[in-house]
Amino acid sequence: MPDLLTPTAELLDGETVLESFQGDRSSYIRTNTWIAAGAMAAGMGILWAVGNPYVWTGAVGGLAAVVVRAGYLMSDELAVRWDLTNQRLLGPGGRAISLTNIAELNKLGSFVQVVTKNGDKHLIKYQADPQATMAAIERVMNGAST
């Protein structure tokens, strides 16, 4: 399983890893807390809409579902690593994105979305400071060579 969670691409000639990005535990918990709040509200809203007299059970169900999911996935999500090199952004599962192929970087909560020129989208999840992650990538992109 570790091969799926960290970069496996071979480094090219002259390529060096400059920085690595891994998920932050606090960001993971904070993000899942917001998801739980949404799930609780949605569960209660659905039960209210269908006329169920036990609307509060929607909150319990939504919270339980997110807590179980978050607890089960936390070790894997926090083990995922992205490496920024002087030429590419290397991700889990063999992802390799040339810095010259990155069209834009977007902040989505604690995630950084990497959009390529051909429309592929990748997420660097649970960053403690997504702005700093984006700035590091942009800094290397501006000095990147193919």
Protein backbone atom coordinates (compact mmCIF):
# COMPACT_ATOMS: atom_id res chain seq x y z
CA MET A 1 0.00 0.00 0.00
CA PRO A 2 2.80 2.56 0.65
CA ASP A 3 3.54 2.62 -3.10
CA LEU A 4 0.07 4.03 -3.68
CA LEU A 5 0.46 6.78 -1.08
CA THR A 6 3.85 8.24 -2.01
CA PRO A 7 5.52 9.20 -5.31
CA THR A 8 6.93 6.26 -7.26
CA ALA A 9 8.13 8.07 -10.38
CA GLU A 10 11.87 7.88 -11.07
CA LEU A 11 13.69 11.20 -10.92
CA LEU A 12 14.86 12.52 -14.29
CA ASP A 13 18.42 13.61 -15.04
CA GLY A 14 19.16 16.78 -13.09
CA GLU A 15 15.92 16.51 -11.12
CA THR A 16 15.98 16.96 -7.34
CA VAL A 17 13.25 16.96 -4.72
CA LEU A 18 12.97 20.44 -3.25
CA GLU A 19 10.02 20.05 -0.90
CA SER A 20 7.43 17.48 0.17
CA PHE A 21 3.79 18.02 1.10
CA GLN A 22 1.99 15.65 3.44
CA GLY A 23 -1.38 15.91 5.14
CA ASP A 24 -1.61 17.70 8.48
CA ARG A 25 -3.51 15.97 11.31
CA SER A 26 -5.15 19.19 12.59
CA SER A 27 -6.34 20.10 9.10
CA TYR A 28 -7.71 16.57 8.63
CA ILE A 29 -9.69 16.77 11.87
CA ARG A 30 -10.92 20.31 11.16
CA THR A 31 -12.03 19.40 7.63
CA ASN A 32 -13.87 16.31 8.83
CA THR A 33 -15.51 18.31 11.63
CA TRP A 34 -17.02 20.61 8.99
CA ILE A 35 -18.11 17.59 6.95
CA ALA A 36 -19.72 16.10 10.07
CA ALA A 37 -21.60 19.34 10.76
CA GLY A 38 -22.94 19.30 7.19
CA ALA A 39 -23.90 15.64 7.42
CA MET A 40 -25.70 16.25 10.72
CA ALA A 41 -27.65 19.18 9.28
CA ALA A 42 -28.50 17.25 6.11
CA GLY A 43 -29.64 14.19 8.09
CA MET A 44 -31.88 16.31 10.30
CA GLY A 45 -33.23 18.23 7.32
CA ILE A 46 -34.13 15.07 5.43
CA LEU A 47 -35.89 13.56 8.45
CA TRP A 48 -37.76 16.82 9.07
CA ALA A 49 -38.81 17.00 5.39
CA VAL A 50 -40.26 13.49 5.43
CA GLY A 51 -42.12 14.19 8.69
CA ASN A 52 -40.09 11.93 10.98
CA PRO A 53 -40.74 12.91 14.63
CA TYR A 54 -37.19 11.89 15.61
CA VAL A 55 -35.30 14.57 13.68
CA TRP A 56 -32.43 14.48 16.20
CA THR A 57 -31.46 11.00 14.99
CA GLY A 58 -30.29 12.57 11.73
CA ALA A 59 -27.60 14.42 13.68
CA VAL A 60 -26.51 11.23 15.41
CA GLY A 61 -26.41 9.30 12.13
CA GLY A 62 -24.53 12.01 10.25
CA LEU A 63 -21.97 12.39 13.03
CA ALA A 64 -21.47 8.64 13.38
CA ALA A 65 -21.00 8.15 9.65
CA VAL A 66 -18.34 10.84 9.34
CA VAL A 67 -16.50 9.86 12.55
CA VAL A 68 -16.29 6.21 11.45
CA ARG A 69 -15.15 7.16 7.94
CA ALA A 70 -12.63 9.73 9.15
CA GLY A 71 -11.19 7.38 11.74
CA TYR A 72 -10.88 4.56 9.25
CA LEU A 73 -9.17 6.67 6.56
CA MET A 74 -6.99 8.96 8.70
CA SER A 75 -3.79 6.89 8.65
CA ASP A 76 -3.91 6.52 4.86
CA GLU A 77 -4.88 10.13 4.15
CA LEU A 78 -2.09 11.48 6.36
CA ALA A 79 0.47 9.13 4.75
CA VAL A 80 -0.15 10.54 1.26
CA ARG A 81 2.84 12.59 0.08
CA TRP A 82 3.51 14.87 -2.87
CA ASP A 83 7.08 15.82 -3.84
CA LEU A 84 7.95 19.08 -5.57
CA THR A 85 11.05 18.82 -7.72
CA ASN A 86 12.79 21.41 -9.85
CA GLN A 87 10.93 19.95 -12.88
CA ARG A 88 7.75 18.19 -11.76
CA LEU A 89 5.17 17.67 -9.05
CA LEU A 90 5.24 13.98 -8.14
CA GLY A 91 2.25 12.45 -6.43
CA PRO A 92 0.89 9.18 -5.15
CA GLY A 93 0.01 6.36 -7.50
CA GLY A 94 2.63 7.31 -10.08
CA ARG A 95 1.34 10.81 -10.77
CA ALA A 96 3.93 13.06 -12.39
CA ILE A 97 2.96 16.56 -13.49
CA SER A 98 5.46 18.69 -15.37
CA LEU A 99 5.61 22.15 -13.83
CA THR A 100 5.22 23.62 -17.31
CA ASN A 101 1.91 21.70 -17.65
CA ILE A 102 0.28 23.30 -14.58
CA ALA A 103 -2.39 25.76 -15.68
CA GLU A 104 -3.61 26.89 -12.26
CA LEU A 105 -3.53 26.26 -8.55
CA ASN A 106 -6.67 26.70 -6.46
CA LYS A 107 -7.26 26.68 -2.71
CA LEU A 108 -10.25 24.55 -1.68
CA GLY A 109 -10.40 24.71 2.10
CA SER A 110 -7.32 22.83 3.31
CA PHE A 111 -6.75 21.34 -0.16
CA VAL A 112 -4.67 22.64 -3.05
CA GLN A 113 -6.15 21.78 -6.43
CA VAL A 114 -3.62 21.43 -9.25
CA VAL A 115 -5.19 21.87 -12.70
CA THR A 116 -3.14 20.89 -15.73
CA LYS A 117 -3.30 22.51 -19.16
CA ASN A 118 -5.10 19.43 -20.52
CA GLY A 119 -7.73 19.66 -17.76
CA ASP A 120 -6.56 16.99 -15.31
CA LYS A 121 -7.22 17.88 -11.68
CA HIS A 122 -5.28 16.66 -8.65
CA LEU A 123 -5.69 17.42 -4.93
CA ILE A 124 -2.94 17.92 -2.40
CA LYS A 125 -5.11 17.32 0.66
CA TYR A 126 -5.17 18.51 4.27
CA GLN A 127 -2.47 21.17 4.08
CA ALA A 128 -1.81 23.13 7.28
CA ASP A 129 -1.17 26.21 5.12
CA PRO A 130 -2.52 25.72 1.59
CA GLN A 131 -1.37 29.23 0.60
CA ALA A 132 2.22 28.31 1.50
CA THR A 133 1.94 25.09 -0.52
CA MET A 134 0.67 27.04 -3.52
CA ALA A 135 3.41 29.67 -3.08
CA ALA A 136 6.13 26.99 -2.99
CA ILE A 137 4.84 25.41 -6.21
CA GLU A 138 4.48 28.79 -7.92
CA ARG A 139 7.97 29.85 -6.82
CA VAL A 140 9.51 26.75 -8.43
CA MET A 141 7.23 27.02 -11.50
CA ASN A 142 8.46 30.57 -12.14
CA GLY A 143 12.04 29.32 -12.18
CA ALA A 144 11.26 25.92 -13.74
CA SER A 145 12.94 24.58 -16.82
CA THR A 146 11.64 21.77 -18.94
